[in-house]
C-alpha atoms as a PDB file:
ATOM      1  CA  MET A   1     -39.719 -14.345   2.416  1.00  0.00           C
ATOM      2  CA  PRO A   2     -37.886 -15.126  -0.909  1.00  0.00           C
ATOM      3  CA  GLU A   3     -37.805 -11.678  -1.424  1.00  0.00           C
ATOM      4  CA  HIS A   4     -34.975 -11.543   1.875  1.00  0.00           C
ATOM      5  CA  ASP A   5     -32.980 -14.409   0.284  1.00  0.00           C
ATOM      6  CA  THR A   6     -32.565 -12.959  -2.834  1.00  0.00           C
ATOM      7  CA  VAL A   7     -31.729  -9.597  -1.471  1.00  0.00           C
ATOM      8  CA  ASN A   8     -28.882 -10.998   0.637  1.00  0.00           C
ATOM      9  CA  ALA A   9     -27.804 -13.862  -1.733  1.00  0.00           C
ATOM     10  CA  GLY A  10     -23.596 -13.533  -1.849  1.00  0.00           C
ATOM     11  CA  TRP A  11     -23.131 -11.617   0.879  1.00  0.00           C
ATOM     12  CA  PRO A  12     -21.171 -12.367   2.851  1.00  0.00           C
ATOM     13  CA  PRO A  13     -19.235 -14.475  -0.450  1.00  0.00           C
ATOM     14  CA  ARG A  14     -18.804 -17.887  -0.119  1.00  0.00           C
ATOM     15  CA  ASP A  15     -15.525 -17.557  -1.963  1.00  0.00           C
ATOM     16  CA  PRO A  16     -12.532 -17.067   0.522  1.00  0.00           C
ATOM     17  CA  LEU A  17     -10.281 -15.077  -2.355  1.00  0.00           C
ATOM     18  CA  LEU A  18     -13.560 -12.683  -2.631  1.00  0.00           C
ATOM     19  CA  ALA A  19     -13.597 -12.519   0.763  1.00  0.00           C
ATOM     20  CA  GLY A  20     -10.448 -11.732   1.486  1.00  0.00           C
ATOM     21  CA  VAL A  21     -10.629  -8.674  -1.138  1.00  0.00           C
ATOM     22  CA  MET A  22     -13.423  -7.420   0.328  1.00  0.00           C
ATOM     23  CA  GLU A  23     -12.052  -7.264   4.008  1.00  0.00           C
ATOM     24  CA  ARG A  24      -8.565  -5.743   2.367  1.00  0.00           C
ATOM     25  CA  VAL A  25     -10.790  -2.931   0.679  1.00  0.00           C
ATOM     26  CA  VAL A  26     -13.045  -2.414   3.835  1.00  0.00           C
ATOM     27  CA  TRP A  27      -9.416  -1.921   5.825  1.00  0.00           C
ATOM     28  CA  ARG A  28      -8.287   0.319   3.846  1.00  0.00           C
ATOM     29  CA  VAL A  29     -11.271   2.523   3.393  1.00  0.00           C
ATOM     30  CA  ASN A  30     -11.441   2.551   7.370  1.00  0.00           C
ATOM     31  CA  ARG A  31      -7.793   3.338   7.550  1.00  0.00           C
ATOM     32  CA  LEU A  32      -8.674   6.592   5.025  1.00  0.00           C
ATOM     33  CA  ARG A  33     -11.389   7.811   6.749  1.00  0.00           C
ATOM     34  CA  CYS A  34      -9.199   7.963  10.140  1.00  0.00           C
ATOM     35  CA  MET A  35      -6.305   9.979   8.155  1.00  0.00           C
ATOM     36  CA  THR A  36      -6.351  14.166   7.914  1.00  0.00           C
ATOM     37  CA  PRO A  37      -5.900  15.302   4.008  1.00  0.00           C
ATOM     38  CA  ALA A  38      -2.406  16.045   4.972  1.00  0.00           C
ATOM     39  CA  GLU A  39      -1.748  12.689   5.990  1.00  0.00           C
ATOM     40  CA  ILE A  40      -3.245  11.038   2.802  1.00  0.00           C
ATOM     41  CA  ARG A  41      -0.957  13.410   0.651  1.00  0.00           C
ATOM     42  CA  HIS A  42       2.333  13.133   2.519  1.00  0.00           C
ATOM     43  CA  ARG A  43       1.777   9.280   1.958  1.00  0.00           C
ATOM     44  CA  VAL A  44       0.622   9.482  -1.587  1.00  0.00           C
ATOM     45  CA  LEU A  45       3.737  11.927  -2.648  1.00  0.00           C
ATOM     46  CA  ARG A  46       5.794   9.537  -0.477  1.00  0.00           C
ATOM     47  CA  ALA A  47       4.544   6.054  -2.133  1.00  0.00           C
ATOM     48  CA  LEU A  48       5.128   8.479  -5.770  1.00  0.00           C
ATOM     49  CA  ALA A  49       8.385   8.894  -4.832  1.00  0.00           C
ATOM     50  CA  MET A  50       9.595   5.647  -3.514  1.00  0.00           C
ATOM     51  CA  ARG A  51       8.144   4.225  -6.953  1.00  0.00           C
ATOM     52  CA  ALA A  52       9.555   6.655  -9.219  1.00  0.00           C
ATOM     53  CA  GLU A  53      13.349   6.310  -7.627  1.00  0.00           C
ATOM     54  CA  ARG A  54      12.464   2.273  -8.110  1.00  0.00           C
ATOM     55  CA  TRP A  55      11.707   3.028 -12.050  1.00  0.00           C
ATOM     56  CA  GLY A  56      14.707   5.157 -12.186  1.00  0.00           C
ATOM     57  CA  LEU A  57      12.768   8.337 -12.981  1.00  0.00           C
ATOM     58  CA  VAL A  58      14.208  10.091 -10.110  1.00  0.00           C
ATOM     59  CA  GLY A  59      17.879   9.585  -7.668  1.00  0.00           C
ATOM     60  CA  SER A  60      21.243   8.888  -8.406  1.00  0.00           C
ATOM     61  CA  HIS A  61      22.289   7.077 -11.846  1.00  0.00           C
ATOM     62  CA  ALA A  62      25.727   5.777 -10.216  1.00  0.00           C
ATOM     63  CA  ILE A  63      26.414   4.610  -7.054  1.00  0.00           C
ATOM     64  CA  PRO A  64      29.773   5.418  -5.757  1.00  0.00           C
ATOM     65  CA  PRO A  65      32.290   3.090  -4.806  1.00  0.00           C
ATOM     66  CA  PRO A  66      32.691   2.054  -1.185  1.00  0.00           C
ATOM     67  CA  ASP A  67      35.644   3.513   0.625  1.00  0.00           C
ATOM     68  CA  LEU A  68      37.662   0.984   1.932  1.00  0.00           C
ATOM     69  CA  ALA A  69      40.906   2.729   2.744  1.00  0.00           C
ATOM     70  CA  HIS A  70      40.395   3.498   6.233  1.00  0.00           C
ATOM     71  CA  ALA A  71      40.851   0.375   8.524  1.00  0.00           C
ATOM     72  CA  PHE A  72      38.404   0.052  11.695  1.00  0.00           C
ATOM     73  CA  ARG A  73      39.706   0.129  15.169  1.00  0.00           C
ATOM     74  CA  PRO A  74      38.424  -2.619  17.293  1.00  0.00           C
END
């Protein structure tokens, strides 16, 4: 059965780095299959908003100074 060996050659990957990447891809695909379209949309929009804020495209440019005038009570 040499044909059988050629079909399965390379799976599972022998390279540990490739095997790890494939494991993460399979996990993410399964995770997406468990989500509703509304949850996927919400998560994508939230991730985009976080990246836009991190890159300085949206949000406040000036951070107000802290108000240190009030003393704390023990």
